[in-house]
Amino acid sequence: MKKDNYHEPVMVREVIETFAPLYKARIIDATLGTGGHSLEMVKGGAEVLGIETDGEMLKVSDERLKEACPTPNKNGLGSFKFVNDNFRNIDSIAQKENFNEVNGVLFDLGVSNIQLVSPDRGFSFGSPEAKLDMRLDKAAQGLTGADLLNALRQDHLIKLFQKVLSFRDSRYLAERVIEAREKKPIATVRDFLEFARGVKTKKGLNPATLPFLALRIAVNSELENLNEALPKAFDLMRKGGRLAVIVFHSGEREIVLDFYFQNERWGAGKILTRKPIVPSESEISKNPRARSAALYVLEKI
């Protein structure tokens, strides 16, 4: 993959500052992607264990870091090892890789631009004829977005869309799904765009944007995985270690803040971000998708 095609993650500088000093720090990048955060951490001298559920992204990040850091542990560089797995298994992964007592864990919950624009993933409105797949890991996951829409009962569809929509809009959309699939099976992105018309949304936002997000969350069990992974990640950290999570929507934010405040009440952690760290205006101008990102940090005490 050409360098110009690498997905650059949000708030790289802010993440590096969160984990500084990096030299000899042990950090788990639980959402490796194409390795943008890990690359800078390794350059700073950190020992990084990267986890990525998407095998295609893992290959990209591995090639990228081997090219940029061909001689780990020399010239002030750190080291890296990457694992193809889901971050919900972060505890067993760390144990297997002898990567316990870490200084930091990073979760960047955004989907890569490469995945979003891929014509065979079903994530993009720009590929209306693409199959409505939405799986981040096709090898390990069974059900696609189309499968869920064609099989779920109306009440379950309502719950699915309520992750990001009001009950009224969720009920409306569930009814449209039922009507559509009675005529023919839902199969493509175009099918989704057709029945998503009429959903209320912010000015300038495609009506299908939030329902699309809800379906992706459901297909990949994103919120369930996050709920499962956070306490495991926190247990892996030594005192003074930092748990940094970049969220992109309210469902993720609610889970992260509930976990942070719970640990602070128990005296186990200290929230370092009473107000979230957000991307700079210059970063947003270069990458408009970054505008919804927010970084929250919890320190173990």
C-alpha atoms as a PDB file:
ATOM      1  CA  MET A   1       0.000   0.000   0.000  1.00  0.00           C
ATOM      2  CA  LYS A   2       1.330   3.423  -0.898  1.00  0.00           C
ATOM      3  CA  LYS A   3       2.189   5.791   1.921  1.00  0.00           C
ATOM      4  CA  ASP A   4      -0.402   8.256   0.668  1.00  0.00           C
ATOM      5  CA  ASN A   5      -3.079   5.621   1.269  1.00  0.00           C
ATOM      6  CA  TYR A   6      -2.293   5.006   4.938  1.00  0.00           C
ATOM      7  CA  HIS A   7      -5.100   5.953   7.273  1.00  0.00           C
ATOM      8  CA  GLU A   8      -3.785   8.601   9.648  1.00  0.00           C
ATOM      9  CA  PRO A   9      -5.516   8.284  13.020  1.00  0.00           C
ATOM     10  CA  VAL A  10      -6.793  11.256  14.981  1.00  0.00           C
ATOM     11  CA  MET A  11      -4.896  13.142  17.678  1.00  0.00           C
ATOM     12  CA  VAL A  12      -1.558  11.368  17.298  1.00  0.00           C
ATOM     13  CA  ARG A  13       0.296  14.176  19.081  1.00  0.00           C
ATOM     14  CA  GLU A  14      -2.200  14.214  21.946  1.00  0.00           C
ATOM     15  CA  VAL A  15      -1.937  10.446  22.383  1.00  0.00           C
ATOM     16  CA  ILE A  16       1.872  10.595  22.455  1.00  0.00           C
ATOM     17  CA  GLU A  17       1.721  13.329  25.092  1.00  0.00           C
ATOM     18  CA  THR A  18      -0.688  11.236  27.157  1.00  0.00           C
ATOM     19  CA  PHE A  19       1.750   8.332  27.372  1.00  0.00           C
ATOM     20  CA  ALA A  20       4.990  10.364  27.632  1.00  0.00           C
ATOM     21  CA  PRO A  21       7.726   9.617  28.418  1.00  0.00           C
ATOM     22  CA  LEU A  22       7.680   6.805  25.871  1.00  0.00           C
ATOM     23  CA  TYR A  23      11.221   5.453  26.206  1.00  0.00           C
ATOM     24  CA  LYS A  24      10.990   1.832  27.417  1.00  0.00           C
ATOM     25  CA  ALA A  25       7.278   2.231  28.185  1.00  0.00           C
ATOM     26  CA  ARG A  26       5.148  -0.865  27.523  1.00  0.00           C
ATOM     27  CA  ILE A  27       1.956   0.087  25.695  1.00  0.00           C
ATOM     28  CA  ILE A  28      -0.880  -1.917  24.196  1.00  0.00           C
ATOM     29  CA  ASP A  29      -2.432  -0.394  21.087  1.00  0.00           C
ATOM     30  CA  ALA A  30      -5.729  -2.266  21.240  1.00  0.00           C
ATOM     31  CA  THR A  31      -6.991  -0.858  17.934  1.00  0.00           C
ATOM     32  CA  LEU A  32      -3.920  -0.941  15.725  1.00  0.00           C
ATOM     33  CA  GLY A  33      -5.504  -0.021  12.389  1.00  0.00           C
ATOM     34  CA  THR A  34      -2.738   0.886   9.943  1.00  0.00           C
ATOM     35  CA  GLY A  35      -0.327   1.610  12.772  1.00  0.00           C
ATOM     36  CA  GLY A  36      -0.275   5.413  12.900  1.00  0.00           C
ATOM     37  CA  HIS A  37      -0.299   5.697  16.698  1.00  0.00           C
ATOM     38  CA  SER A  38       1.996   2.700  17.180  1.00  0.00           C
ATOM     39  CA  LEU A  39       4.531   4.040  14.708  1.00  0.00           C
ATOM     40  CA  GLU A  40       5.036   7.233  16.695  1.00  0.00           C
ATOM     41  CA  MET A  41       5.167   5.352  19.986  1.00  0.00           C
ATOM     42  CA  VAL A  42       7.854   2.995  18.691  1.00  0.00           C
ATOM     43  CA  LYS A  43       9.817   5.956  17.333  1.00  0.00           C
ATOM     44  CA  GLY A  44       9.720   7.358  20.860  1.00  0.00           C
ATOM     45  CA  GLY A  45      11.258   4.187  22.261  1.00  0.00           C
ATOM     46  CA  ALA A  46       8.151   2.352  23.462  1.00  0.00           C
ATOM     47  CA  GLU A  47       7.602  -1.383  23.401  1.00  0.00           C
ATOM     48  CA  VAL A  48       4.226  -1.815  21.686  1.00  0.00           C
ATOM     49  CA  LEU A  49       1.855  -4.749  21.474  1.00  0.00           C
ATOM     50  CA  GLY A  50      -0.709  -4.040  18.762  1.00  0.00           C
ATOM     51  CA  ILE A  51      -4.075  -5.778  18.429  1.00  0.00           C
ATOM     52  CA  GLU A  52      -6.122  -5.626  15.230  1.00  0.00           C
ATOM     53  CA  THR A  53      -9.223  -7.628  14.333  1.00  0.00           C
ATOM     54  CA  ASP A  54      -9.007  -6.842  10.608  1.00  0.00           C
ATOM     55  CA  GLY A  55      -6.353  -9.021   8.997  1.00  0.00           C
ATOM     56  CA  GLU A  56      -5.982  -6.686   6.017  1.00  0.00           C
ATOM     57  CA  MET A  57      -5.238  -3.719   8.262  1.00  0.00           C
ATOM     58  CA  LEU A  58      -2.770  -5.805  10.263  1.00  0.00           C
ATOM     59  CA  LYS A  59      -0.714  -6.542   7.151  1.00  0.00           C
ATOM     60  CA  VAL A  60      -0.600  -2.852   6.298  1.00  0.00           C
ATOM     61  CA  SER A  61       0.555  -1.803   9.768  1.00  0.00           C
ATOM     62  CA  ASP A  62       3.161  -4.573   9.966  1.00  0.00           C
ATOM     63  CA  GLU A  63       4.698  -3.566   6.627  1.00  0.00           C
ATOM     64  CA  ARG A  64       4.526   0.105   7.560  1.00  0.00           C
ATOM     65  CA  LEU A  65       6.410  -0.265  10.830  1.00  0.00           C
ATOM     66  CA  LYS A  66       8.981  -2.667   9.448  1.00  0.00           C
ATOM     67  CA  GLU A  67       9.751  -0.120   6.741  1.00  0.00           C
ATOM     68  CA  ALA A  68       9.926   2.851   9.140  1.00  0.00           C
ATOM     69  CA  CYS A  69      11.595   1.031  12.035  1.00  0.00           C
ATOM     70  CA  PRO A  70      13.704  -1.751  10.474  1.00  0.00           C
ATOM     71  CA  THR A  71      16.022  -2.096  13.463  1.00  0.00           C
ATOM     72  CA  PRO A  72      13.965  -2.062  16.684  1.00  0.00           C
ATOM     73  CA  ASN A  73      15.882  -1.536  19.928  1.00  0.00           C
ATOM     74  CA  LYS A  74      18.600   0.394  18.086  1.00  0.00           C
ATOM     75  CA  ASN A  75      19.067   4.110  17.579  1.00  0.00           C
ATOM     76  CA  GLY A  76      16.598   4.865  20.360  1.00  0.00           C
ATOM     77  CA  LEU A  77      13.742   3.006  18.680  1.00  0.00           C
ATOM     78  CA  GLY A  78      11.396   0.763  20.582  1.00  0.00           C
ATOM     79  CA  SER A  79       9.955  -2.561  19.491  1.00  0.00           C
ATOM     80  CA  PHE A  80       6.628  -3.887  18.286  1.00  0.00           C
ATOM     81  CA  LYS A  81       4.623  -7.070  17.923  1.00  0.00           C
ATOM     82  CA  PHE A  82       1.179  -7.265  16.353  1.00  0.00           C
ATOM     83  CA  VAL A  83      -1.601  -9.802  16.903  1.00  0.00           C
ATOM     84  CA  ASN A  84      -4.652 -10.543  14.741  1.00  0.00           C
ATOM     85  CA  ASP A  85      -7.448 -10.776  17.312  1.00  0.00           C
ATOM     86  CA  ASN A  86     -10.320  -8.857  18.860  1.00  0.00           C
ATOM     87  CA  PHE A  87      -9.504  -6.471  21.704  1.00  0.00           C
ATOM     88  CA  ARG A  88     -12.172  -8.096  23.862  1.00  0.00           C
ATOM     89  CA  ASN A  89      -9.512 -10.807  24.370  1.00  0.00           C
ATOM     90  CA  ILE A  90      -6.888  -8.304  25.513  1.00  0.00           C
ATOM     91  CA  ASP A  91      -6.208 -10.172  28.767  1.00  0.00           C
ATOM     92  CA  SER A  92      -5.462 -13.549  27.174  1.00  0.00           C
ATOM     93  CA  ILE A  93      -3.477 -11.869  24.385  1.00  0.00           C
ATOM     94  CA  ALA A  94      -1.300 -10.027  26.906  1.00  0.00           C
ATOM     95  CA  GLN A  95      -0.738 -13.188  28.921  1.00  0.00           C
ATOM     96  CA  LYS A  96       0.246 -15.183  25.847  1.00  0.00           C
ATOM     97  CA  GLU A  97       2.631 -12.447  24.680  1.00  0.00           C
ATOM     98  CA  ASN A  98       4.066 -11.920  28.189  1.00  0.00           C
ATOM     99  CA  PHE A  99       2.882  -8.324  28.082  1.00  0.00           C
ATOM    100  CA  ASN A 100       1.512  -7.664  31.564  1.00  0.00           C
ATOM    101  CA  GLU A 101       2.146  -4.701  33.887  1.00  0.00           C
ATOM    102  CA  VAL A 102       1.882  -2.145  31.094  1.00  0.00           C
ATOM    103  CA  ASN A 103       2.273   1.628  31.219  1.00  0.00           C
ATOM    104  CA  GLY A 104      -0.649   2.367  28.975  1.00  0.00           C
ATOM    105  CA  VAL A 105      -3.476   1.028  26.839  1.00  0.00           C
ATOM    106  CA  LEU A 106      -4.953   2.863  23.852  1.00  0.00           C
ATOM    107  CA  PHE A 107      -8.345   2.332  22.238  1.00  0.00           C
ATOM    108  CA  ASP A 108      -9.064   4.400  19.113  1.00  0.00           C
ATOM    109  CA  LEU A 109     -12.648   3.395  18.371  1.00  0.00           C
ATOM    110  CA  GLY A 110     -12.875   5.019  14.957  1.00  0.00           C
ATOM    111  CA  VAL A 111     -13.149   2.940  11.784  1.00  0.00           C
ATOM    112  CA  SER A 112     -10.294   3.392   9.314  1.00  0.00           C
ATOM    113  CA  ASN A 113     -10.906   5.546   6.249  1.00  0.00           C
ATOM    114  CA  ILE A 114      -9.562   2.621   4.240  1.00  0.00           C
ATOM    115  CA  GLN A 115     -12.351   0.413   5.566  1.00  0.00           C
ATOM    116  CA  LEU A 116     -14.963   3.114   5.090  1.00  0.00           C
ATOM    117  CA  VAL A 117     -14.214   3.637   1.397  1.00  0.00           C
ATOM    118  CA  SER A 118     -13.576  -0.012   0.534  1.00  0.00           C
ATOM    119  CA  PRO A 119     -16.041  -0.995  -2.228  1.00  0.00           C
ATOM    120  CA  ASP A 120     -16.571  -4.509  -0.853  1.00  0.00           C
ATOM    121  CA  ARG A 121     -17.140  -3.681   2.829  1.00  0.00           C
ATOM    122  CA  GLY A 122     -20.534  -2.038   2.571  1.00  0.00           C
ATOM    123  CA  PHE A 123     -19.543   0.895   4.798  1.00  0.00           C
ATOM    124  CA  SER A 124     -19.717   3.635   2.192  1.00  0.00           C
ATOM    125  CA  PHE A 125     -22.630   5.426   0.544  1.00  0.00           C
ATOM    126  CA  GLY A 126     -20.241   5.937  -2.364  1.00  0.00           C
ATOM    127  CA  SER A 127     -20.575   2.249  -3.293  1.00  0.00           C
ATOM    128  CA  PRO A 128     -24.355   1.790  -3.477  1.00  0.00           C
ATOM    129  CA  GLU A 129     -24.141  -1.555  -5.289  1.00  0.00           C
ATOM    130  CA  ALA A 130     -21.836  -3.053  -2.659  1.00  0.00           C
ATOM    131  CA  LYS A 131     -23.169  -5.883  -0.547  1.00  0.00           C
ATOM    132  CA  LEU A 132     -24.320  -4.685   2.869  1.00  0.00           C
ATOM    133  CA  ASP A 133     -21.602  -6.573   4.726  1.00  0.00           C
ATOM    134  CA  MET A 134     -20.111  -4.288   7.430  1.00  0.00           C
ATOM    135  CA  ARG A 135     -17.991  -6.978   9.098  1.00  0.00           C
ATOM    136  CA  LEU A 136     -14.593  -5.794  10.307  1.00  0.00           C
ATOM    137  CA  ASP A 137     -13.301  -9.372  10.347  1.00  0.00           C
ATOM    138  CA  LYS A 138     -14.916 -11.463   7.630  1.00  0.00           C
ATOM    139  CA  ALA A 139     -12.924 -14.551   8.590  1.00  0.00           C
ATOM    140  CA  ALA A 140     -14.153 -14.639  12.190  1.00  0.00           C
ATOM    141  CA  GLN A 141     -17.603 -13.068  11.942  1.00  0.00           C
ATOM    142  CA  GLY A 142     -20.648 -14.769  10.497  1.00  0.00           C
ATOM    143  CA  LEU A 143     -23.602 -12.407  10.239  1.00  0.00           C
ATOM    144  CA  THR A 144     -23.516  -9.440   7.881  1.00  0.00           C
ATOM    145  CA  GLY A 145     -25.531  -6.242   8.059  1.00  0.00           C
ATOM    146  CA  ALA A 146     -27.923  -7.614   5.465  1.00  0.00           C
ATOM    147  CA  ASP A 147     -28.364 -10.797   7.500  1.00  0.00           C
ATOM    148  CA  LEU A 148     -29.455  -8.828  10.573  1.00  0.00           C
ATOM    149  CA  LEU A 149     -31.892  -6.636   8.670  1.00  0.00           C
ATOM    150  CA  ASN A 150     -33.496  -9.628   6.988  1.00  0.00           C
ATOM    151  CA  ALA A 151     -33.784 -11.750  10.143  1.00  0.00           C
ATOM    152  CA  LEU A 152     -34.445  -9.558  13.200  1.00  0.00           C
ATOM    153  CA  ARG A 153     -37.935  -9.039  14.594  1.00  0.00           C
ATOM    154  CA  GLN A 154     -39.317  -5.528  14.564  1.00  0.00           C
ATOM    155  CA  ASP A 155     -38.745  -4.979  18.307  1.00  0.00           C
ATOM    156  CA  HIS A 156     -35.120  -6.076  17.939  1.00  0.00           C
ATOM    157  CA  LEU A 157     -34.645  -3.756  14.984  1.00  0.00           C
ATOM    158  CA  ILE A 158     -35.977  -0.890  17.106  1.00  0.00           C
ATOM    159  CA  LYS A 159     -33.418  -1.668  19.833  1.00  0.00           C
ATOM    160  CA  LEU A 160     -30.663  -1.828  17.220  1.00  0.00           C
ATOM    161  CA  PHE A 161     -31.426   1.631  15.841  1.00  0.00           C
ATOM    162  CA  GLN A 162     -32.031   3.135  19.292  1.00  0.00           C
ATOM    163  CA  LYS A 163     -28.278   3.020  19.880  1.00  0.00           C
ATOM    164  CA  VAL A 164     -28.116   6.265  17.909  1.00  0.00           C
ATOM    165  CA  LEU A 165     -31.709   7.327  17.121  1.00  0.00           C
ATOM    166  CA  SER A 166     -34.793   8.323  19.083  1.00  0.00           C
ATOM    167  CA  PHE A 167     -37.461   5.688  19.732  1.00  0.00           C
ATOM    168  CA  ARG A 168     -39.767   7.358  17.237  1.00  0.00           C
ATOM    169  CA  ASP A 169     -37.216   7.334  14.435  1.00  0.00           C
ATOM    170  CA  SER A 170     -36.119   3.802  15.358  1.00  0.00           C
ATOM    171  CA  ARG A 171     -39.687   2.525  15.148  1.00  0.00           C
ATOM    172  CA  TYR A 172     -40.192   4.297  11.811  1.00  0.00           C
ATOM    173  CA  LEU A 173     -37.009   2.780  10.411  1.00  0.00           C
ATOM    174  CA  ALA A 174     -37.830  -0.698  11.698  1.00  0.00           C
ATOM    175  CA  GLU A 175     -41.203  -0.504   9.942  1.00  0.00           C
ATOM    176  CA  ARG A 176     -39.478   0.540   6.710  1.00  0.00           C
ATOM    177  CA  VAL A 177     -37.083  -2.405   6.998  1.00  0.00           C
ATOM    178  CA  ILE A 178     -39.978  -4.855   7.429  1.00  0.00           C
ATOM    179  CA  GLU A 179     -41.794  -3.364   4.423  1.00  0.00           C
ATOM    180  CA  ALA A 180     -38.668  -3.504   2.270  1.00  0.00           C
ATOM    181  CA  ARG A 181     -37.738  -7.094   3.042  1.00  0.00           C
ATOM    182  CA  GLU A 182     -41.289  -8.324   2.418  1.00  0.00           C
ATOM    183  CA  LYS A 183     -40.854  -7.199  -1.194  1.00  0.00           C
ATOM    184  CA  LYS A 184     -37.331  -8.592  -1.634  1.00  0.00           C
ATOM    185  CA  PRO A 185     -34.362  -9.508   0.586  1.00  0.00           C
ATOM    186  CA  ILE A 186     -32.221  -6.557   1.632  1.00  0.00           C
ATOM    187  CA  ALA A 187     -28.829  -7.041   0.016  1.00  0.00           C
ATOM    188  CA  THR A 188     -26.991  -3.843  -0.908  1.00  0.00           C
ATOM    189  CA  VAL A 189     -26.076  -0.393   0.359  1.00  0.00           C
ATOM    190  CA  ARG A 190     -28.573   1.019  -2.117  1.00  0.00           C
ATOM    191  CA  ASP A 191     -31.361  -1.007  -0.484  1.00  0.00           C
ATOM    192  CA  PHE A 192     -30.458   0.582   2.848  1.00  0.00           C
ATOM    193  CA  LEU A 193     -30.392   4.088   1.417  1.00  0.00           C
ATOM    194  CA  GLU A 194     -33.863   3.583  -0.030  1.00  0.00           C
ATOM    195  CA  PHE A 195     -35.638   2.699   3.210  1.00  0.00           C
ATOM    196  CA  ALA A 196     -33.591   5.158   5.314  1.00  0.00           C
ATOM    197  CA  ARG A 197     -35.184   8.105   3.542  1.00  0.00           C
ATOM    198  CA  GLY A 198     -37.367  10.121   5.869  1.00  0.00           C
ATOM    199  CA  VAL A 199     -35.248   9.662   8.992  1.00  0.00           C
ATOM    200  CA  LYS A 200     -34.800  13.028  10.689  1.00  0.00           C
ATOM    201  CA  THR A 201     -31.220  14.209  10.795  1.00  0.00           C
ATOM    202  CA  LYS A 202     -29.044  17.277  11.158  1.00  0.00           C
ATOM    203  CA  LYS A 203     -28.895  19.647   8.224  1.00  0.00           C
ATOM    204  CA  GLY A 204     -26.381  18.467   5.662  1.00  0.00           C
ATOM    205  CA  LEU A 205     -26.191  14.931   7.078  1.00  0.00           C
ATOM    206  CA  ASN A 206     -27.405  12.018   4.985  1.00  0.00           C
ATOM    207  CA  PRO A 207     -30.505  10.469   6.666  1.00  0.00           C
ATOM    208  CA  ALA A 208     -28.831   7.073   6.475  1.00  0.00           C
ATOM    209  CA  THR A 209     -25.682   8.131   8.374  1.00  0.00           C
ATOM    210  CA  LEU A 210     -26.810   7.355  11.928  1.00  0.00           C
ATOM    211  CA  PRO A 211     -28.812   4.212  11.044  1.00  0.00           C
ATOM    212  CA  PHE A 212     -25.743   3.009   9.128  1.00  0.00           C
ATOM    213  CA  LEU A 213     -23.650   3.574  12.248  1.00  0.00           C
ATOM    214  CA  ALA A 214     -26.141   1.636  14.380  1.00  0.00           C
ATOM    215  CA  LEU A 215     -26.021  -1.326  12.014  1.00  0.00           C
ATOM    216  CA  ARG A 216     -22.218  -1.354  11.967  1.00  0.00           C
ATOM    217  CA  ILE A 217     -22.158  -1.289  15.775  1.00  0.00           C
ATOM    218  CA  ALA A 218     -24.539  -4.250  15.903  1.00  0.00           C
ATOM    219  CA  VAL A 219     -22.751  -6.321  13.259  1.00  0.00           C
ATOM    220  CA  ASN A 220     -19.407  -5.998  15.056  1.00  0.00           C
ATOM    221  CA  SER A 221     -20.736  -6.101  18.651  1.00  0.00           C
ATOM    222  CA  GLU A 222     -18.749  -2.927  19.204  1.00  0.00           C
ATOM    223  CA  LEU A 223     -20.336  -1.758  22.451  1.00  0.00           C
ATOM    224  CA  GLU A 224     -20.377  -5.224  23.992  1.00  0.00           C
ATOM    225  CA  ASN A 225     -16.703  -5.699  23.129  1.00  0.00           C
ATOM    226  CA  LEU A 226     -15.803  -2.331  24.643  1.00  0.00           C
ATOM    227  CA  ASN A 227     -17.677  -3.125  27.854  1.00  0.00           C
ATOM    228  CA  GLU A 228     -15.797  -6.389  28.110  1.00  0.00           C
ATOM    229  CA  ALA A 229     -12.367  -5.002  27.249  1.00  0.00           C
ATOM    230  CA  LEU A 230     -12.113  -1.917  29.489  1.00  0.00           C
ATOM    231  CA  PRO A 231     -11.854  -3.704  32.869  1.00  0.00           C
ATOM    232  CA  LYS A 232      -9.408  -6.216  31.398  1.00  0.00           C
ATOM    233  CA  ALA A 233      -7.232  -3.395  30.069  1.00  0.00           C
ATOM    234  CA  PHE A 234      -7.329  -1.578  33.403  1.00  0.00           C
ATOM    235  CA  ASP A 235      -6.233  -4.726  35.250  1.00  0.00           C
ATOM    236  CA  LEU A 236      -3.205  -5.040  32.961  1.00  0.00           C
ATOM    237  CA  MET A 237      -1.868  -1.597  33.913  1.00  0.00           C
ATOM    238  CA  ARG A 238       0.632  -0.911  36.651  1.00  0.00           C
ATOM    239  CA  LYS A 239       0.077   1.991  39.072  1.00  0.00           C
ATOM    240  CA  GLY A 240       0.479   5.257  37.206  1.00  0.00           C
ATOM    241  CA  GLY A 241      -0.512   3.589  33.962  1.00  0.00           C
ATOM    242  CA  ARG A 242      -2.966   5.390  31.709  1.00  0.00           C
ATOM    243  CA  LEU A 243      -6.016   4.103  29.881  1.00  0.00           C
ATOM    244  CA  ALA A 244      -6.726   6.344  26.865  1.00  0.00           C
ATOM    245  CA  VAL A 245      -9.864   5.935  24.776  1.00  0.00           C
ATOM    246  CA  ILE A 246     -10.831   7.920  21.684  1.00  0.00           C
ATOM    247  CA  VAL A 247     -14.607   7.828  21.202  1.00  0.00           C
ATOM    248  CA  PHE A 248     -16.696   8.968  18.254  1.00  0.00           C
ATOM    249  CA  HIS A 249     -20.317   8.733  19.370  1.00  0.00           C
ATOM    250  CA  SER A 250     -22.495   8.867  22.471  1.00  0.00           C
ATOM    251  CA  GLY A 251     -22.773   5.093  22.905  1.00  0.00           C
ATOM    252  CA  GLU A 252     -19.017   4.735  23.267  1.00  0.00           C
ATOM    253  CA  ARG A 253     -18.745   7.845  25.418  1.00  0.00           C
ATOM    254  CA  GLU A 254     -21.350   6.598  27.883  1.00  0.00           C
ATOM    255  CA  ILE A 255     -19.590   3.256  28.378  1.00  0.00           C
ATOM    256  CA  VAL A 256     -16.156   4.855  28.808  1.00  0.00           C
ATOM    257  CA  LEU A 257     -17.290   7.544  31.255  1.00  0.00           C
ATOM    258  CA  ASP A 258     -19.318   5.072  33.318  1.00  0.00           C
ATOM    259  CA  PHE A 259     -16.223   2.904  33.661  1.00  0.00           C
ATOM    260  CA  TYR A 260     -13.962   5.861  34.479  1.00  0.00           C
ATOM    261  CA  PHE A 261     -16.261   7.339  37.117  1.00  0.00           C
ATOM    262  CA  GLN A 262     -16.836   3.933  38.683  1.00  0.00           C
ATOM    263  CA  ASN A 263     -13.097   3.396  39.145  1.00  0.00           C
ATOM    264  CA  GLU A 264     -12.646   6.914  40.492  1.00  0.00           C
ATOM    265  CA  ARG A 265     -15.400   6.347  43.080  1.00  0.00           C
ATOM    266  CA  TRP A 266     -13.691   3.134  44.132  1.00  0.00           C
ATOM    267  CA  GLY A 267     -10.380   4.976  44.517  1.00  0.00           C
ATOM    268  CA  ALA A 268      -8.753   2.841  41.851  1.00  0.00           C
ATOM    269  CA  GLY A 269      -8.295   5.539  39.242  1.00  0.00           C
ATOM    270  CA  LYS A 270      -8.159   9.253  38.598  1.00  0.00           C
ATOM    271  CA  ILE A 271      -9.810  10.874  35.579  1.00  0.00           C
ATOM    272  CA  LEU A 272      -7.320  13.203  33.896  1.00  0.00           C
ATOM    273  CA  THR A 273      -9.789  14.601  31.375  1.00  0.00           C
ATOM    274  CA  ARG A 274     -12.692  16.370  33.082  1.00  0.00           C
ATOM    275  CA  LYS A 275     -13.172  17.896  29.682  1.00  0.00           C
ATOM    276  CA  PRO A 276     -12.229  15.614  26.797  1.00  0.00           C
ATOM    277  CA  ILE A 277      -9.245  16.338  24.607  1.00  0.00           C
ATOM    278  CA  VAL A 278     -10.480  17.123  21.099  1.00  0.00           C
ATOM    279  CA  PRO A 279      -8.746  17.556  17.726  1.00  0.00           C
ATOM    280  CA  SER A 280      -7.347  20.926  16.778  1.00  0.00           C
ATOM    281  CA  GLU A 281      -9.045  23.042  14.136  1.00  0.00           C
ATOM    282  CA  SER A 282      -6.132  22.408  11.776  1.00  0.00           C
ATOM    283  CA  GLU A 283      -6.545  18.642  12.148  1.00  0.00           C
ATOM    284  CA  ILE A 284     -10.292  18.866  11.537  1.00  0.00           C
ATOM    285  CA  SER A 285      -9.693  20.934   8.410  1.00  0.00           C
ATOM    286  CA  LYS A 286      -7.432  18.176   7.058  1.00  0.00           C
ATOM    287  CA  ASN A 287      -9.667  15.334   8.257  1.00  0.00           C
ATOM    288  CA  PRO A 288     -13.334  16.368   8.711  1.00  0.00           C
ATOM    289  CA  ARG A 289     -14.173  12.953  10.216  1.00  0.00           C
ATOM    290  CA  ALA A 290     -12.032  13.901  13.217  1.00  0.00           C
ATOM    291  CA  ARG A 291     -14.562  16.490  14.387  1.00  0.00           C
ATOM    292  CA  SER A 292     -16.544  13.921  16.371  1.00  0.00           C
ATOM    293  CA  ALA A 293     -13.496  12.443  18.139  1.00  0.00           C
ATOM    294  CA  ALA A 294     -12.886  12.923  21.867  1.00  0.00           C
ATOM    295  CA  LEU A 295     -10.038  11.525  23.976  1.00  0.00           C
ATOM    296  CA  TYR A 296     -10.642  10.476  27.596  1.00  0.00           C
ATOM    297  CA  VAL A 297      -7.823   9.409  29.939  1.00  0.00           C
ATOM    298  CA  LEU A 298      -7.935   7.462  33.222  1.00  0.00           C
ATOM    299  CA  GLU A 299      -4.841   7.003  35.405  1.00  0.00           C
ATOM    300  CA  LYS A 300      -4.493   3.999  37.674  1.00  0.00           C
ATOM    301  CA  ILE A 301      -3.638   4.883  41.274  1.00  0.00           C
END
